[in-house]
C-alpha cells in the first residue's frame, strides 16, 4: 500500500501484538510479532519521501512476563521518521503524537490541543 499512496494519512492499529500476545503472556508470539513489524518497517524506510512522516507507537505498556493480564507501567515505545529528525530523542505523552501529526498535516500548531509536537 505504501507504494501506491501519494498523499494522505494511514492509521493502523496492530491489535494482535497487544491483545493476542501481550495480554495472553505469549512472550514467543510477542517476540515474533515484533520481528515481523521490524521487517516491514525495514521495507518502508527506503521508500519514504522527504515530506513523509512515519510514527510507530503503542497506547500503553504491556509486560508479557507480568503475573497479571492488565496494562503495566512501562513506557510505550515511540519511533518516528521524518525529514530533519537527526535521530533526536523525544520523551513525552501520547498526546504529543496527535500534536505532531496535526502540525505535519496542517503546517501549523494548535495551541488549544494538548501535547507538544516533536517535529
PDB file of N, CA and C in Angstrom:
ATOM      1  N   UNK A   1       0.812  -1.180   0.000  1.00  0.00           N
ATOM      2  CA  UNK A   1       0.000   0.000   0.000  1.00  0.00           C
ATOM      3  C   UNK A   1       0.869   1.263   0.000  1.00  0.00           C
ATOM      4  N   UNK A   2       1.988   1.231   0.686  1.00  0.00           N
ATOM      5  CA  UNK A   2       2.811   2.435   0.797  1.00  0.00           C
ATOM      6  C   UNK A   2       3.319   2.889  -0.575  1.00  0.00           C
ATOM      7  N   UNK A   3       3.513   1.954  -1.497  1.00  0.00           N
ATOM      8  CA  UNK A   3       3.977   2.319  -2.832  1.00  0.00           C
ATOM      9  C   UNK A   3       2.906   3.034  -3.643  1.00  0.00           C
ATOM     10  N   UNK A   4       1.637   2.778  -3.356  1.00  0.00           N
ATOM     11  CA  UNK A   4       0.562   3.367  -4.150  1.00  0.00           C
ATOM     12  C   UNK A   4      -0.040   4.624  -3.535  1.00  0.00           C
ATOM     13  N   UNK A   5       0.355   4.975  -2.336  1.00  0.00           N
ATOM     14  CA  UNK A   5      -0.201   6.145  -1.657  1.00  0.00           C
ATOM     15  C   UNK A   5       0.630   7.376  -1.990  1.00  0.00           C
ATOM     16  N   UNK A   6      -0.014   8.374  -2.579  1.00  0.00           N
ATOM     17  CA  UNK A   6       0.697   9.591  -2.959  1.00  0.00           C
ATOM     18  C   UNK A   6       0.569  10.687  -1.915  1.00  0.00           C
ATOM     19  N   UNK A   7      -0.522  10.685  -1.153  1.00  0.00           N
ATOM     20  CA  UNK A   7      -0.703  11.632  -0.066  1.00  0.00           C
ATOM     21  C   UNK A   7      -1.800  11.099   0.842  1.00  0.00           C
ATOM     22  N   UNK A   8      -1.885  11.680   2.021  1.00  0.00           N
ATOM     23  CA  UNK A   8      -2.939  11.267   2.938  1.00  0.00           C
ATOM     24  C   UNK A   8      -2.388  10.774   4.251  1.00  0.00           C
ATOM     25  N   UNK A   9      -3.241  10.117   4.983  1.00  0.00           N
ATOM     26  CA  UNK A   9      -2.911   9.625   6.314  1.00  0.00           C
ATOM     27  C   UNK A   9      -3.365   8.178   6.416  1.00  0.00           C
ATOM     28  N   UNK A  10      -2.495   7.322   6.893  1.00  0.00           N
ATOM     29  CA  UNK A  10      -2.843   5.932   7.152  1.00  0.00           C
ATOM     30  C   UNK A  10      -2.667   5.703   8.643  1.00  0.00           C
ATOM     31  N   UNK A  11      -3.711   5.226   9.291  1.00  0.00           N
ATOM     32  CA  UNK A  11      -3.668   4.895  10.717  1.00  0.00           C
ATOM     33  C   UNK A  11      -3.988   3.413  10.838  1.00  0.00           C
ATOM     34  N   UNK A  12      -3.113   2.680  11.483  1.00  0.00           N
ATOM     35  CA  UNK A  12      -3.312   1.244  11.630  1.00  0.00           C
ATOM     36  C   UNK A  12      -3.088   0.856  13.080  1.00  0.00           C
ATOM     37  N   UNK A  13      -3.972   0.041  13.597  1.00  0.00           N
ATOM     38  CA  UNK A  13      -3.843  -0.480  14.944  1.00  0.00           C
ATOM     39  C   UNK A  13      -3.464  -1.953  14.842  1.00  0.00           C
ATOM     40  N   UNK A  14      -2.262  -2.282  15.262  1.00  0.00           N
ATOM     41  CA  UNK A  14      -1.796  -3.667  15.226  1.00  0.00           C
ATOM     42  C   UNK A  14      -2.202  -4.353  16.529  1.00  0.00           C
ATOM     43  N   UNK A  15      -3.460  -4.633  16.646  1.00  0.00           N
ATOM     44  CA  UNK A  15      -4.031  -5.080  17.911  1.00  0.00           C
ATOM     45  C   UNK A  15      -3.538  -6.456  18.349  1.00  0.00           C
ATOM     46  N   UNK A  16      -3.154  -7.294  17.396  1.00  0.00           N
ATOM     47  CA  UNK A  16      -2.719  -8.641  17.775  1.00  0.00           C
ATOM     48  C   UNK A  16      -1.513  -8.611  18.701  1.00  0.00           C
ATOM     49  N   UNK A  17      -0.611  -7.650  18.462  1.00  0.00           N
ATOM     50  CA  UNK A  17       0.578  -7.550  19.302  1.00  0.00           C
ATOM     51  C   UNK A  17       0.183  -7.421  20.765  1.00  0.00           C
ATOM     52  N   UNK A  18      -0.840  -6.650  21.030  1.00  0.00           N
ATOM     53  CA  UNK A  18      -1.315  -6.399  22.385  1.00  0.00           C
ATOM     54  C   UNK A  18      -2.284  -7.476  22.856  1.00  0.00           C
ATOM     55  N   UNK A  19      -3.362  -7.629  22.115  1.00  0.00           N
ATOM     56  CA  UNK A  19      -4.469  -8.469  22.565  1.00  0.00           C
ATOM     57  C   UNK A  19      -4.150  -9.960  22.509  1.00  0.00           C
ATOM     58  N   UNK A  20      -3.520 -10.398  21.443  1.00  0.00           N
ATOM     59  CA  UNK A  20      -3.267 -11.822  21.264  1.00  0.00           C
ATOM     60  C   UNK A  20      -2.017 -12.286  22.009  1.00  0.00           C
ATOM     61  N   UNK A  21      -0.975 -11.452  22.000  1.00  0.00           N
ATOM     62  CA  UNK A  21       0.288 -11.880  22.609  1.00  0.00           C
ATOM     63  C   UNK A  21       0.553 -11.230  23.965  1.00  0.00           C
ATOM     64  N   UNK A  22       0.453  -9.920  24.045  1.00  0.00           N
ATOM     65  CA  UNK A  22       0.802  -9.210  25.268  1.00  0.00           C
ATOM     66  C   UNK A  22      -0.036  -9.593  26.467  1.00  0.00           C
ATOM     67  N   UNK A  23      -1.347  -9.467  26.344  1.00  0.00           N
ATOM     68  CA  UNK A  23      -2.236  -9.760  27.470  1.00  0.00           C
ATOM     69  C   UNK A  23      -2.399 -11.254  27.718  1.00  0.00           C
ATOM     70  N   UNK A  24      -1.942 -12.069  26.802  1.00  0.00           N
ATOM     71  CA  UNK A  24      -2.050 -13.525  26.964  1.00  0.00           C
ATOM     72  C   UNK A  24      -0.737 -14.150  27.428  1.00  0.00           C
ATOM     73  N   UNK A  25       0.239 -13.284  27.747  1.00  0.00           N
ATOM     74  CA  UNK A  25       1.548 -13.742  28.238  1.00  0.00           C
ATOM     75  C   UNK A  25       2.265 -14.668  27.256  1.00  0.00           C
ATOM     76  N   UNK A  26       2.089 -14.411  25.992  1.00  0.00           N
ATOM     77  CA  UNK A  26       2.743 -15.212  24.959  1.00  0.00           C
ATOM     78  C   UNK A  26       4.009 -14.481  24.514  1.00  0.00           C
ATOM     79  N   UNK A  27       5.067 -14.626  25.314  1.00  0.00           N
ATOM     80  CA  UNK A  27       6.323 -13.925  25.013  1.00  0.00           C
ATOM     81  C   UNK A  27       6.907 -14.342  23.661  1.00  0.00           C
ATOM     82  N   UNK A  28       6.940 -15.644  23.317  1.00  0.00           N
ATOM     83  CA  UNK A  28       7.463 -16.006  21.988  1.00  0.00           C
ATOM     84  C   UNK A  28       6.619 -15.407  20.853  1.00  0.00           C
ATOM     85  N   UNK A  29       5.291 -15.412  20.990  1.00  0.00           N
ATOM     86  CA  UNK A  29       4.432 -14.822  19.968  1.00  0.00           C
ATOM     87  C   UNK A  29       4.642 -13.323  19.870  1.00  0.00           C
ATOM     88  N   UNK A  30       4.795 -12.670  21.023  1.00  0.00           N
ATOM     89  CA  UNK A  30       5.053 -11.231  21.064  1.00  0.00           C
ATOM     90  C   UNK A  30       6.367 -10.924  20.352  1.00  0.00           C
ATOM     91  N   UNK A  31       7.378 -11.719  20.638  1.00  0.00           N
ATOM     92  CA  UNK A  31       8.685 -11.550  20.008  1.00  0.00           C
ATOM     93  C   UNK A  31       8.592 -11.727  18.496  1.00  0.00           C
ATOM     94  N   UNK A  32       7.887 -12.758  18.053  1.00  0.00           N
ATOM     95  CA  UNK A  32       7.728 -12.980  16.610  1.00  0.00           C
ATOM     96  C   UNK A  32       6.973 -11.835  15.944  1.00  0.00           C
ATOM     97  N   UNK A  33       5.941 -11.309  16.617  1.00  0.00           N
ATOM     98  CA  UNK A  33       5.184 -10.180  16.065  1.00  0.00           C
ATOM     99  C   UNK A  33       6.082  -8.955  15.924  1.00  0.00           C
ATOM    100  N   UNK A  34       6.914  -8.682  16.922  1.00  0.00           N
ATOM    101  CA  UNK A  34       7.828  -7.547  16.843  1.00  0.00           C
ATOM    102  C   UNK A  34       8.838  -7.721  15.716  1.00  0.00           C
ATOM    103  N   UNK A  35       9.316  -8.937  15.515  1.00  0.00           N
ATOM    104  CA  UNK A  35      10.254  -9.185  14.409  1.00  0.00           C
ATOM    105  C   UNK A  35       9.571  -8.958  13.058  1.00  0.00           C
ATOM    106  N   UNK A  36       8.309  -9.357  12.951  1.00  0.00           N
ATOM    107  CA  UNK A  36       7.575  -9.153  11.704  1.00  0.00           C
ATOM    108  C   UNK A  36       7.347  -7.666  11.438  1.00  0.00           C
ATOM    109  N   UNK A  37       6.997  -6.925  12.476  1.00  0.00           N
ATOM    110  CA  UNK A  37       6.818  -5.477  12.339  1.00  0.00           C
ATOM    111  C   UNK A  37       8.139  -4.831  11.944  1.00  0.00           C
ATOM    112  N   UNK A  38       9.223  -5.220  12.605  1.00  0.00           N
ATOM    113  CA  UNK A  38      10.543  -4.672  12.307  1.00  0.00           C
ATOM    114  C   UNK A  38      10.932  -4.930  10.850  1.00  0.00           C
ATOM    115  N   UNK A  39      10.664  -6.125  10.352  1.00  0.00           N
ATOM    116  CA  UNK A  39      10.987  -6.449   8.956  1.00  0.00           C
ATOM    117  C   UNK A  39      10.167  -5.582   7.995  1.00  0.00           C
ATOM    118  N   UNK A  40       8.911  -5.334   8.321  1.00  0.00           N
ATOM    119  CA  UNK A  40       8.073  -4.486   7.471  1.00  0.00           C
ATOM    120  C   UNK A  40       8.580  -3.052   7.465  1.00  0.00           C
ATOM    121  N   UNK A  41       8.940  -2.541   8.632  1.00  0.00           N
ATOM    122  CA  UNK A  41       9.467  -1.175   8.720  1.00  0.00           C
ATOM    123  C   UNK A  41      10.742  -1.051   7.890  1.00  0.00           C
ATOM    124  N   UNK A  42      11.574  -2.067   7.904  1.00  0.00           N
ATOM    125  CA  UNK A  42      12.801  -2.040   7.106  1.00  0.00           C
ATOM    126  C   UNK A  42      12.494  -1.917   5.616  1.00  0.00           C
ATOM    127  N   UNK A  43      11.347  -2.441   5.169  1.00  0.00           N
ATOM    128  CA  UNK A  43      10.949  -2.304   3.770  1.00  0.00           C
ATOM    129  C   UNK A  43      10.372  -0.918   3.489  1.00  0.00           C
ATOM    130  N   UNK A  44       9.718  -0.307   4.471  1.00  0.00           N
ATOM    131  CA  UNK A  44       9.096   1.003   4.271  1.00  0.00           C
ATOM    132  C   UNK A  44      10.116   2.132   4.219  1.00  0.00           C
ATOM    133  N   UNK A  45      11.127   2.088   5.067  1.00  0.00           N
ATOM    134  CA  UNK A  45      12.053   3.213   5.199  1.00  0.00           C
ATOM    135  C   UNK A  45      12.676   3.662   3.881  1.00  0.00           C
ATOM    136  N   UNK A  46      13.120   2.743   3.021  1.00  0.00           N
ATOM    137  CA  UNK A  46      13.734   3.210   1.762  1.00  0.00           C
ATOM    138  C   UNK A  46      12.774   3.904   0.808  1.00  0.00           C
ATOM    139  N   UNK A  47      11.466   3.701   0.955  1.00  0.00           N
ATOM    140  CA  UNK A  47      10.522   4.316   0.021  1.00  0.00           C
ATOM    141  C   UNK A  47       9.878   5.584   0.575  1.00  0.00           C
ATOM    142  N   UNK A  48      10.194   5.942   1.810  1.00  0.00           N
ATOM    143  CA  UNK A  48       9.649   7.176   2.372  1.00  0.00           C
ATOM    144  C   UNK A  48      10.282   8.380   1.693  1.00  0.00           C
ATOM    145  N   UNK A  49       9.462   9.387   1.440  1.00  0.00           N
ATOM    146  CA  UNK A  49       9.913  10.611   0.788  1.00  0.00           C
ATOM    147  C   UNK A  49      10.217  11.667   1.846  1.00  0.00           C
ATOM    148  N   UNK A  50      10.946  12.716   1.498  1.00  0.00           N
ATOM    149  CA  UNK A  50      11.275  13.759   2.477  1.00  0.00           C
ATOM    150  C   UNK A  50      10.050  14.387   3.140  1.00  0.00           C
ATOM    151  N   UNK A  51       8.923  14.436   2.448  1.00  0.00           N
ATOM    152  CA  UNK A  51       7.726  15.044   3.025  1.00  0.00           C
ATOM    153  C   UNK A  51       6.875  14.064   3.841  1.00  0.00           C
ATOM    154  N   UNK A  52       7.305  12.821   3.971  1.00  0.00           N
ATOM    155  CA  UNK A  52       6.540  11.799   4.694  1.00  0.00           C
ATOM    156  C   UNK A  52       6.838  11.816   6.190  1.00  0.00           C
ATOM    157  N   UNK A  53       5.899  11.287   6.932  1.00  0.00           N
ATOM    158  CA  UNK A  53       6.041  11.111   8.379  1.00  0.00           C
ATOM    159  C   UNK A  53       5.616   9.695   8.716  1.00  0.00           C
ATOM    160  N   UNK A  54       6.435   8.985   9.436  1.00  0.00           N
ATOM    161  CA  UNK A  54       6.109   7.640   9.906  1.00  0.00           C
ATOM    162  C   UNK A  54       6.178   7.658  11.422  1.00  0.00           C
ATOM    163  N   UNK A  55       5.106   7.251  12.078  1.00  0.00           N
ATOM    164  CA  UNK A  55       5.065   7.187  13.533  1.00  0.00           C
ATOM    165  C   UNK A  55       4.600   5.800  13.930  1.00  0.00           C
ATOM    166  N   UNK A  56       5.377   5.138  14.752  1.00  0.00           N
ATOM    167  CA  UNK A  56       5.007   3.841  15.324  1.00  0.00           C
ATOM    168  C   UNK A  56       5.014   3.994  16.837  1.00  0.00           C
ATOM    169  N   UNK A  57       3.927   3.620  17.469  1.00  0.00           N
ATOM    170  CA  UNK A  57       3.850   3.741  18.919  1.00  0.00           C
ATOM    171  C   UNK A  57       2.857   2.726  19.462  1.00  0.00           C
ATOM    172  N   UNK A  58       2.700   2.734  20.751  1.00  0.00           N
ATOM    173  CA  UNK A  58       1.727   1.881  21.431  1.00  0.00           C
ATOM    174  C   UNK A  58       0.847   2.763  22.300  1.00  0.00           C
ATOM    175  N   UNK A  59      -0.279   2.233  22.715  1.00  0.00           N
ATOM    176  CA  UNK A  59      -1.174   3.030  23.558  1.00  0.00           C
ATOM    177  C   UNK A  59      -0.927   2.815  25.042  1.00  0.00           C
ATOM    178  N   UNK A  60      -0.105   1.840  25.390  1.00  0.00           N
ATOM    179  CA  UNK A  60       0.219   1.588  26.795  1.00  0.00           C
ATOM    180  C   UNK A  60       1.350   0.568  26.858  1.00  0.00           C
ATOM    181  N   UNK A  61       1.932   0.450  28.026  1.00  0.00           N
ATOM    182  CA  UNK A  61       2.935  -0.568  28.247  1.00  0.00           C
ATOM    183  C   UNK A  61       2.272  -1.908  28.502  1.00  0.00           C
ATOM    184  N   UNK A  62       2.980  -2.976  28.158  1.00  0.00           N
ATOM    185  CA  UNK A  62       2.445  -4.312  28.395  1.00  0.00           C
ATOM    186  C   UNK A  62       3.631  -5.262  28.568  1.00  0.00           C
ATOM    187  N   UNK A  63       3.869  -5.675  29.779  1.00  0.00           N
ATOM    188  CA  UNK A  63       4.948  -6.604  30.070  1.00  0.00           C
ATOM    189  C   UNK A  63       4.388  -8.011  29.973  1.00  0.00           C
ATOM    190  N   UNK A  64       4.813  -8.751  28.963  1.00  0.00           N
ATOM    191  CA  UNK A  64       4.273 -10.102  28.739  1.00  0.00           C
ATOM    192  C   UNK A  64       4.684 -11.081  29.826  1.00  0.00           C
ATOM    193  N   UNK A  65       5.633 -10.683  30.668  1.00  0.00           N
ATOM    194  CA  UNK A  65       6.059 -11.580  31.753  1.00  0.00           C
ATOM    195  C   UNK A  65       5.425 -11.213  33.093  1.00  0.00           C
ATOM    196  N   UNK A  66       4.569 -10.188  33.121  1.00  0.00           N
ATOM    197  CA  UNK A  66       3.900  -9.783  34.368  1.00  0.00           C
ATOM    198  C   UNK A  66       2.949 -10.900  34.813  1.00  0.00           C
ATOM    199  N   UNK A  67       2.740 -11.038  36.102  1.00  0.00           N
ATOM    200  CA  UNK A  67       1.878 -12.119  36.591  1.00  0.00           C
ATOM    201  C   UNK A  67       0.381 -11.868  36.378  1.00  0.00           C
ATOM    202  N   UNK A  68       0.029 -10.727  35.839  1.00  0.00           N
ATOM    203  CA  UNK A  68      -1.379 -10.394  35.603  1.00  0.00           C
ATOM    204  C   UNK A  68      -1.555 -10.027  34.131  1.00  0.00           C
ATOM    205  N   UNK A  69      -2.787  -9.854  33.702  1.00  0.00           N
ATOM    206  CA  UNK A  69      -3.050  -9.549  32.293  1.00  0.00           C
ATOM    207  C   UNK A  69      -3.387  -8.086  32.056  1.00  0.00           C
ATOM    208  N   UNK A  70      -3.241  -7.253  33.085  1.00  0.00           N
ATOM    209  CA  UNK A  70      -3.564  -5.836  32.951  1.00  0.00           C
ATOM    210  C   UNK A  70      -2.416  -5.068  32.294  1.00  0.00           C
ATOM    211  N   UNK A  71      -2.696  -3.813  31.949  1.00  0.00           N
ATOM    212  CA  UNK A  71      -1.646  -2.928  31.432  1.00  0.00           C
ATOM    213  C   UNK A  71      -0.586  -2.753  32.510  1.00  0.00           C
ATOM    214  N   UNK A  72       0.621  -2.564  32.082  1.00  0.00           N
ATOM    215  CA  UNK A  72       1.724  -2.364  33.017  1.00  0.00           C
ATOM    216  C   UNK A  72       2.273  -0.958  32.853  1.00  0.00           C
ATOM    217  N   UNK A  73       3.247  -0.620  33.640  1.00  0.00           N
ATOM    218  CA  UNK A  73       3.681   0.776  33.723  1.00  0.00           C
ATOM    219  C   UNK A  73       4.910   1.097  32.876  1.00  0.00           C
ATOM    220  N   UNK A  74       5.298   0.219  31.980  1.00  0.00           N
ATOM    221  CA  UNK A  74       6.431   0.521  31.115  1.00  0.00           C
ATOM    222  C   UNK A  74       6.094   1.711  30.226  1.00  0.00           C
ATOM    223  N   UNK A  75       7.111   2.382  29.784  1.00  0.00           N
ATOM    224  CA  UNK A  75       6.907   3.437  28.803  1.00  0.00           C
ATOM    225  C   UNK A  75       6.483   2.790  27.491  1.00  0.00           C
ATOM    226  N   UNK A  76       5.594   3.437  26.789  1.00  0.00           N
ATOM    227  CA  UNK A  76       5.208   2.960  25.464  1.00  0.00           C
ATOM    228  C   UNK A  76       6.266   3.423  24.471  1.00  0.00           C
ATOM    229  N   UNK A  77       6.677   2.544  23.570  1.00  0.00           N
ATOM    230  CA  UNK A  77       7.703   2.941  22.598  1.00  0.00           C
ATOM    231  C   UNK A  77       7.144   3.923  21.586  1.00  0.00           C
ATOM    232  N   UNK A  78       8.017   4.789  21.103  1.00  0.00           N
ATOM    233  CA  UNK A  78       7.653   5.711  20.035  1.00  0.00           C
ATOM    234  C   UNK A  78       8.825   5.782  19.071  1.00  0.00           C
ATOM    235  N   UNK A  79       8.564   5.449  17.835  1.00  0.00           N
ATOM    236  CA  UNK A  79       9.559   5.551  16.781  1.00  0.00           C
ATOM    237  C   UNK A  79       8.968   6.450  15.709  1.00  0.00           C
ATOM    238  N   UNK A  80       9.661   7.509  15.363  1.00  0.00           N
ATOM    239  CA  UNK A  80       9.177   8.421  14.336  1.00  0.00           C
ATOM    240  C   UNK A  80      10.287   8.692  13.327  1.00  0.00           C
ATOM    241  N   UNK A  81       9.926   8.708  12.058  1.00  0.00           N
ATOM    242  CA  UNK A  81      10.851   9.066  10.995  1.00  0.00           C
ATOM    243  C   UNK A  81      10.250  10.243  10.244  1.00  0.00           C
ATOM    244  N   UNK A  82      11.043  11.292  10.058  1.00  0.00           N
ATOM    245  CA  UNK A  82      10.629  12.447   9.277  1.00  0.00           C
ATOM    246  C   UNK A  82      11.884  13.208   8.886  1.00  0.00           C
ATOM    247  N   UNK A  83      11.758  14.006   7.849  1.00  0.00           N
ATOM    248  CA  UNK A  83      12.891  14.793   7.353  1.00  0.00           C
ATOM    249  C   UNK A  83      13.427  15.687   8.468  1.00  0.00           C
ATOM    250  N   UNK A  84      14.729  15.651   8.677  1.00  0.00           N
ATOM    251  CA  UNK A  84      15.363  16.503   9.665  1.00  0.00           C
ATOM    252  C   UNK A  84      15.290  15.994  11.091  1.00  0.00           C
ATOM    253  N   UNK A  85      14.907  14.745  11.284  1.00  0.00           N
ATOM    254  CA  UNK A  85      14.765  14.236  12.655  1.00  0.00           C
ATOM    255  C   UNK A  85      16.100  14.129  13.375  1.00  0.00           C
ATOM    256  N   UNK A  86      17.167  13.948  12.644  1.00  0.00           N
ATOM    257  CA  UNK A  86      18.518  13.917  13.212  1.00  0.00           C
ATOM    258  C   UNK A  86      18.650  12.956  14.394  1.00  0.00           C
ATOM    259  N   UNK A  87      17.878  11.886  14.380  1.00  0.00           N
ATOM    260  CA  UNK A  87      17.946  10.850  15.418  1.00  0.00           C
ATOM    261  C   UNK A  87      17.769  11.400  16.830  1.00  0.00           C
ATOM    262  N   UNK A  88      16.976  12.455  16.951  1.00  0.00           N
ATOM    263  CA  UNK A  88      16.784  13.027  18.280  1.00  0.00           C
ATOM    264  C   UNK A  88      15.784  12.200  19.082  1.00  0.00           C
ATOM    265  N   UNK A  89      15.906  12.282  20.381  1.00  0.00           N
ATOM    266  CA  UNK A  89      15.036  11.540  21.286  1.00  0.00           C
ATOM    267  C   UNK A  89      13.944  12.464  21.811  1.00  0.00           C
ATOM    268  N   UNK A  90      12.743  11.919  21.937  1.00  0.00           N
ATOM    269  CA  UNK A  90      11.626  12.673  22.500  1.00  0.00           C
ATOM    270  C   UNK A  90      10.928  11.793  23.526  1.00  0.00           C
ATOM    271  N   UNK A  91      10.931  12.198  24.750  1.00  0.00           N
ATOM    272  CA  UNK A  91      10.191  11.510  25.804  1.00  0.00           C
ATOM    273  C   UNK A  91       8.993  12.374  26.144  1.00  0.00           C
ATOM    274  N   UNK A  92       7.814  11.864  25.891  1.00  0.00           N
ATOM    275  CA  UNK A  92       6.631  12.666  26.143  1.00  0.00           C
ATOM    276  C   UNK A  92       5.403  11.799  26.306  1.00  0.00           C
ATOM    277  N   UNK A  93       4.276  12.430  26.147  1.00  0.00           N
ATOM    278  CA  UNK A  93       2.998  11.758  26.315  1.00  0.00           C
ATOM    279  C   UNK A  93       2.429  11.348  24.955  1.00  0.00           C
ATOM    280  N   UNK A  94       1.445  10.465  24.978  1.00  0.00           N
ATOM    281  CA  UNK A  94       0.804  10.026  23.749  1.00  0.00           C
ATOM    282  C   UNK A  94       0.167  11.197  23.000  1.00  0.00           C
ATOM    283  N   UNK A  95      -0.300  12.212  23.722  1.00  0.00           N
ATOM    284  CA  UNK A  95      -0.912  13.373  23.059  1.00  0.00           C
ATOM    285  C   UNK A  95       0.100  14.122  22.191  1.00  0.00           C
ATOM    286  N   UNK A  96       1.393  13.910  22.423  1.00  0.00           N
ATOM    287  CA  UNK A  96       2.410  14.536  21.579  1.00  0.00           C
ATOM    288  C   UNK A  96       2.342  13.994  20.149  1.00  0.00           C
ATOM    289  N   UNK A  97       1.902  12.760  20.003  1.00  0.00           N
ATOM    290  CA  UNK A  97       1.741  12.192  18.660  1.00  0.00           C
ATOM    291  C   UNK A  97       0.652  12.957  17.918  1.00  0.00           C
ATOM    292  N   UNK A  98      -0.480  13.197  18.578  1.00  0.00           N
ATOM    293  CA  UNK A  98      -1.563  13.959  17.954  1.00  0.00           C
ATOM    294  C   UNK A  98      -1.125  15.357  17.566  1.00  0.00           C
ATOM    295  N   UNK A  99      -0.406  16.030  18.450  1.00  0.00           N
ATOM    296  CA  UNK A  99       0.082  17.380  18.149  1.00  0.00           C
ATOM    297  C   UNK A  99       1.053  17.356  16.973  1.00  0.00           C
ATOM    298  N   UNK A 100       1.874  16.339  16.903  1.00  0.00           N
ATOM    299  CA  UNK A 100       2.852  16.226  15.817  1.00  0.00           C
ATOM    300  C   UNK A 100       2.172  15.937  14.487  1.00  0.00           C
ATOM    301  N   UNK A 101       1.215  15.029  14.484  1.00  0.00           N
ATOM    302  CA  UNK A 101       0.505  14.714  13.239  1.00  0.00           C
ATOM    303  C   UNK A 101      -0.295  15.926  12.770  1.00  0.00           C
ATOM    304  N   UNK A 102      -0.929  16.640  13.688  1.00  0.00           N
ATOM    305  CA  UNK A 102      -1.656  17.860  13.317  1.00  0.00           C
ATOM    306  C   UNK A 102      -0.715  18.860  12.663  1.00  0.00           C
ATOM    307  N   UNK A 103       0.441  19.072  13.261  1.00  0.00           N
ATOM    308  CA  UNK A 103       1.401  20.028  12.703  1.00  0.00           C
ATOM    309  C   UNK A 103       1.877  19.568  11.336  1.00  0.00           C
ATOM    310  N   UNK A 104       2.107  18.269  11.171  1.00  0.00           N
ATOM    311  CA  UNK A 104       2.578  17.738   9.894  1.00  0.00           C
ATOM    312  C   UNK A 104       1.509  17.889   8.811  1.00  0.00           C
ATOM    313  N   UNK A 105       0.259  17.627   9.155  1.00  0.00           N
ATOM    314  CA  UNK A 105      -0.827  17.713   8.173  1.00  0.00           C
ATOM    315  C   UNK A 105      -1.175  19.147   7.783  1.00  0.00           C
ATOM    316  N   UNK A 106      -1.090  20.066   8.738  1.00  0.00           N
ATOM    317  CA  UNK A 106      -1.576  21.429   8.503  1.00  0.00           C
ATOM    318  C   UNK A 106      -0.480  22.480   8.397  1.00  0.00           C
ATOM    319  N   UNK A 107       0.747  22.106   8.711  1.00  0.00           N
ATOM    320  CA  UNK A 107       1.872  23.051   8.760  1.00  0.00           C
ATOM    321  C   UNK A 107       1.604  24.185   9.748  1.00  0.00           C
ATOM    322  N   UNK A 108       0.827  23.906  10.765  1.00  0.00           N
ATOM    323  CA  UNK A 108       0.562  24.900  11.803  1.00  0.00           C
ATOM    324  C   UNK A 108       0.419  24.190  13.146  1.00  0.00           C
ATOM    325  N   UNK A 109       0.391  24.974  14.186  1.00  0.00           N
ATOM    326  CA  UNK A 109       0.204  24.431  15.522  1.00  0.00           C
ATOM    327  C   UNK A 109      -1.156  24.859  16.040  1.00  0.00           C
ATOM    328  N   UNK A 110      -1.696  24.064  16.927  1.00  0.00           N
ATOM    329  CA  UNK A 110      -2.992  24.373  17.532  1.00  0.00           C
ATOM    330  C   UNK A 110      -2.782  24.456  19.035  1.00  0.00           C
ATOM    331  N   UNK A 111      -2.622  25.666  19.563  1.00  0.00           N
ATOM    332  CA  UNK A 111      -2.357  25.813  20.999  1.00  0.00           C
ATOM    333  C   UNK A 111      -3.442  25.203  21.889  1.00  0.00           C
ATOM    334  N   UNK A 112      -4.651  25.072  21.347  1.00  0.00           N
ATOM    335  CA  UNK A 112      -5.724  24.502  22.154  1.00  0.00           C
ATOM    336  C   UNK A 112      -5.595  22.981  22.310  1.00  0.00           C
ATOM    337  N   UNK A 113      -4.769  22.342  21.503  1.00  0.00           N
ATOM    338  CA  UNK A 113      -4.544  20.911  21.633  1.00  0.00           C
ATOM    339  C   UNK A 113      -3.544  20.640  22.758  1.00  0.00           C
ATOM    340  N   UNK A 114      -3.800  19.590  23.474  1.00  0.00           N
ATOM    341  CA  UNK A 114      -2.811  19.132  24.445  1.00  0.00           C
ATOM    342  C   UNK A 114      -1.656  18.516  23.678  1.00  0.00           C
ATOM    343  N   UNK A 115      -0.522  18.480  24.269  1.00  0.00           N
ATOM    344  CA  UNK A 115       0.611  17.820  23.635  1.00  0.00           C
ATOM    345  C   UNK A 115       1.591  18.794  23.025  1.00  0.00           C
ATOM    346  N   UNK A 116       2.794  18.305  22.874  1.00  0.00           N
ATOM    347  CA  UNK A 116       3.899  19.083  22.301  1.00  0.00           C
ATOM    348  C   UNK A 116       4.421  18.347  21.069  1.00  0.00           C
ATOM    349  N   UNK A 117       4.379  18.992  19.918  1.00  0.00           N
ATOM    350  CA  UNK A 117       4.854  18.364  18.695  1.00  0.00           C
ATOM    351  C   UNK A 117       6.345  18.068  18.791  1.00  0.00           C
ATOM    352  N   UNK A 118       6.745  16.917  18.315  1.00  0.00           N
ATOM    353  CA  UNK A 118       8.163  16.552  18.353  1.00  0.00           C
ATOM    354  C   UNK A 118       8.839  16.744  17.003  1.00  0.00           C
ATOM    355  N   UNK A 119       8.168  17.363  16.056  1.00  0.00           N
ATOM    356  CA  UNK A 119       8.750  17.579  14.721  1.00  0.00           C
ATOM    357  C   UNK A 119       9.810  18.655  14.751  1.00  0.00           C
TER     358      UNK A 119
END
